[in-house]
Protein backbone atom coordinates (compact mmCIF):
# COMPACT_ATOMS: atom_id res chain seq x y z
CA UNK A 1 -55.00 151.53 -3.05
CA UNK A 2 -52.25 153.38 -3.03
CA UNK A 3 -52.55 153.41 0.81
CA UNK A 4 -52.61 149.44 0.25
CA UNK A 5 -49.60 149.28 -1.93
CA UNK A 6 -48.11 151.66 0.80
CA UNK A 7 -48.79 149.18 3.46
CA UNK A 8 -47.31 145.80 1.35
CA UNK A 9 -44.52 147.40 0.80
CA UNK A 10 -43.69 148.85 3.74
CA UNK A 11 -44.36 145.15 5.57
CA UNK A 12 -42.39 143.76 2.70
CA UNK A 13 -39.04 145.95 3.47
CA UNK A 14 -39.61 146.09 7.17
CA UNK A 15 -37.23 144.00 9.22
CA UNK A 16 -40.07 141.86 10.67
CA UNK A 17 -38.23 138.67 12.47
CA UNK A 18 -41.03 136.57 10.77
CA UNK A 19 -40.41 138.08 7.59
CA UNK A 20 -36.37 138.07 8.06
CA UNK A 21 -36.95 134.34 8.55
CA UNK A 22 -39.29 133.53 5.60
CA UNK A 23 -36.79 135.25 3.30
CA UNK A 24 -33.70 132.91 4.84
CA UNK A 25 -35.33 129.37 4.58
CA UNK A 26 -36.67 130.98 1.14
CA UNK A 27 -32.61 131.86 0.18
CA UNK A 28 -32.25 128.17 1.55
CA UNK A 29 -34.28 126.25 -0.30
CA UNK A 30 -33.27 128.13 -3.75
CA UNK A 31 -28.98 127.55 -2.94
CA UNK A 32 -29.80 124.44 -2.10
CA UNK A 33 -32.14 123.58 -5.27
CA UNK A 34 -29.64 125.59 -7.23
CA UNK A 35 -26.26 123.88 -5.79
CA UNK A 36 -28.27 120.21 -6.85
CA UNK A 37 -28.98 121.58 -10.27
CA UNK A 38 -25.15 122.92 -10.85
CA UNK A 39 -23.81 119.32 -9.52
CA UNK A 40 -26.29 116.55 -11.13
CA UNK A 41 -27.29 118.97 -13.96
CA UNK A 42 -25.39 121.37 -15.38
CA UNK A 43 -26.38 121.26 -18.78
CA UNK A 44 -29.22 123.16 -17.03
CA UNK A 45 -27.16 125.39 -14.93
CA UNK A 46 -27.44 128.76 -16.91
CA UNK A 47 -25.92 132.14 -16.44
CA UNK A 48 -29.25 133.77 -14.97
CA UNK A 49 -29.17 130.37 -12.14
CA UNK A 50 -25.48 131.40 -11.89
CA UNK A 51 -26.46 134.78 -10.92
CA UNK A 52 -29.23 133.57 -8.22
CA UNK A 53 -27.30 131.40 -6.71
CA UNK A 54 -24.82 133.73 -6.04
CA UNK A 55 -27.50 136.04 -4.71
CA UNK A 56 -28.76 133.83 -2.81
CA UNK A 57 -25.23 133.02 -1.15
CA UNK A 58 -24.53 136.63 -0.77
CA UNK A 59 -28.03 136.89 1.68
CA UNK A 60 -26.91 133.90 3.58
CA UNK A 61 -22.90 135.26 3.73
CA UNK A 62 -21.68 131.73 2.42
CA UNK A 63 -19.21 131.10 -0.09
CA UNK A 64 -20.36 128.86 -2.48
CA UNK A 65 -17.80 125.80 -2.08
CA UNK A 66 -18.74 125.87 2.28
CA UNK A 67 -22.43 125.64 0.86
CA UNK A 68 -21.68 122.49 -1.36
CA UNK A 69 -20.12 120.78 1.56
CA UNK A 70 -23.04 121.59 3.50
CA UNK A 71 -25.24 120.69 0.70
CA UNK A 72 -23.36 117.65 0.39
CA UNK A 73 -23.49 116.70 4.22
CA UNK A 74 -27.54 116.92 3.98
CA UNK A 75 -27.68 114.32 0.83
CA UNK A 76 -25.23 112.00 2.90
CA UNK A 77 -27.68 111.82 5.75
CA UNK A 78 -30.70 110.96 3.75
CA UNK A 79 -28.88 108.20 2.18
CA UNK A 80 -27.67 107.17 5.52
CA UNK A 81 -31.45 107.14 6.84
CA UNK A 82 -32.68 105.40 4.23
């Protein structure tokens, strides 16, 4: 069991290209969700959400203002295509 746990941990924390890419995609999706939550339902956006958003944006190397502008562009694109 220890060998399996070690293997899983080594793979999780490795710099495997696919894993890094998957973590980045997860950070993007999570940040988008939290930015939308903050904008459209601020009453539901708490301290825990703020900490998570800061962590995800840090992982992406983005400031919240920049991420909000990018998300606004994405949201506008959805409206324009419909």
